[in-house]
Structure formats: structure tokens, C-alpha cells
Amino acid sequence: MKNITFKYGVDSITKQVEDGFTFGDLQESDSFQAALGFGDATKALVEGIEQDRGTVIPAGATVRLETAAKTKA
């Protein structure tokens, strides 16, 4: 288990998550979506750098979620 801080807009929470918890797990989590109020189209950043959904979130990280830009097909 590890502690991670998550931010979206002006809201912030610190949670304990499993060691293998990824950025994709965060973005797909109904409980995190409800707690912070974000939707499906988000990107996760650590120190301003966008993170791949399959990357494990490091212990003690502060993850900022931002609304992802919509693209036309």
C-alpha cells in the first residue's frame, strides 16, 4: 500500500492505494470520479508531464487530473 495525492480543479484527496495501482486504474475508478468530480475524458500529469495509463503511480506522488482535449475523427 502507498499514499498518493490526487488533484482535480480545486479539489484534492490523499488516498492509500495498492502497490500496482496505475494511472489508468485511477482514471477508470468510479470512487475517484465521484470524490473529485471528473469525467471519462481526462489525462493524468505528474510534475506537469502527461503519464501513460499503464504506468504504475509511484509512492508519494501528486497526480493532477485535467480534462483532455477532444479530437475530431
Protein backbone atom coordinates (compact mmCIF):
# COMPACT_ATOMS: atom_id res chain seq x y z
CA MET A 1 0.00 0.00 0.00
CA LYS A 2 1.14 3.55 -0.72
CA ASN A 3 -0.18 7.08 -0.20
CA ILE A 4 -0.87 9.26 -3.25
CA THR A 5 -2.39 12.74 -3.54
CA PHE A 6 -4.87 13.34 -6.35
CA LYS A 7 -5.95 16.79 -7.56
CA TYR A 8 -8.67 17.85 -9.96
CA GLY A 9 -9.54 21.53 -10.23
CA VAL A 10 -9.53 22.95 -6.69
CA ASP A 11 -10.32 19.56 -5.10
CA SER A 12 -7.64 17.32 -3.62
CA ILE A 13 -7.63 13.99 -1.77
CA THR A 14 -4.89 11.76 -0.39
CA LYS A 15 -5.63 8.05 -0.55
CA GLN A 16 -3.89 4.80 0.17
CA VAL A 17 -3.81 2.52 -2.89
CA GLU A 18 -2.36 -0.87 -3.83
CA ASP A 19 1.28 -1.02 -4.94
CA GLY A 20 0.38 -1.88 -8.56
CA PHE A 21 -2.18 0.95 -8.95
CA THR A 22 -1.79 2.59 -12.39
CA PHE A 23 -2.80 5.92 -13.88
CA GLY A 24 -5.41 4.02 -15.91
CA ASP A 25 -6.83 2.47 -12.73
CA LEU A 26 -7.22 5.98 -11.33
CA GLN A 27 -8.91 7.35 -14.43
CA GLU A 28 -11.35 4.41 -14.60
CA SER A 29 -12.18 4.35 -10.86
CA ASP A 30 -15.81 5.20 -10.09
CA SER A 31 -14.91 6.09 -6.49
CA PHE A 32 -12.22 8.59 -7.54
CA GLN A 33 -14.51 10.04 -10.22
CA ALA A 34 -17.24 10.56 -7.61
CA ALA A 35 -14.87 12.01 -4.98
CA LEU A 36 -13.20 14.50 -7.32
CA GLY A 37 -16.00 15.04 -9.85
CA PHE A 38 -14.10 14.27 -13.06
CA GLY A 39 -15.46 12.53 -16.15
CA ASP A 40 -14.11 9.96 -18.58
CA ALA A 41 -12.01 12.28 -20.77
CA THR A 42 -9.05 13.08 -18.52
CA LYS A 43 -5.28 13.00 -18.63
CA ALA A 44 -3.03 12.37 -15.63
CA LEU A 45 0.02 14.55 -15.00
CA VAL A 46 2.90 14.33 -12.53
CA GLU A 47 5.03 17.49 -12.29
CA GLY A 48 3.35 18.73 -15.49
CA ILE A 49 4.24 15.64 -17.55
CA GLU A 50 1.41 13.56 -19.00
CA GLN A 51 1.56 9.93 -17.86
CA ASP A 52 0.74 6.75 -19.78
CA ARG A 53 -2.34 4.91 -18.49
CA GLY A 54 -0.36 1.68 -17.99
CA THR A 55 2.32 3.25 -15.79
CA VAL A 56 2.27 2.41 -12.07
CA ILE A 57 1.84 5.52 -9.91
CA PRO A 58 4.92 5.99 -7.70
CA ALA A 59 4.51 6.17 -3.92
CA GLY A 60 4.14 9.71 -2.57
CA ALA A 61 3.27 11.15 -5.98
CA THR A 62 0.93 14.09 -6.51
CA VAL A 63 -1.22 13.36 -9.55
CA ARG A 64 -3.10 16.21 -11.23
CA LEU A 65 -6.03 15.21 -13.42
CA GLU A 66 -7.04 17.55 -16.25
CA THR A 67 -9.80 17.38 -18.80
CA ALA A 68 -8.35 16.00 -22.03
CA ALA A 69 -8.86 17.93 -25.27
CA LYS A 70 -11.43 16.42 -27.57
CA THR A 71 -10.23 15.46 -31.04
CA LYS A 72 -12.17 15.15 -34.27
CA ALA A 73 -12.01 11.86 -36.14
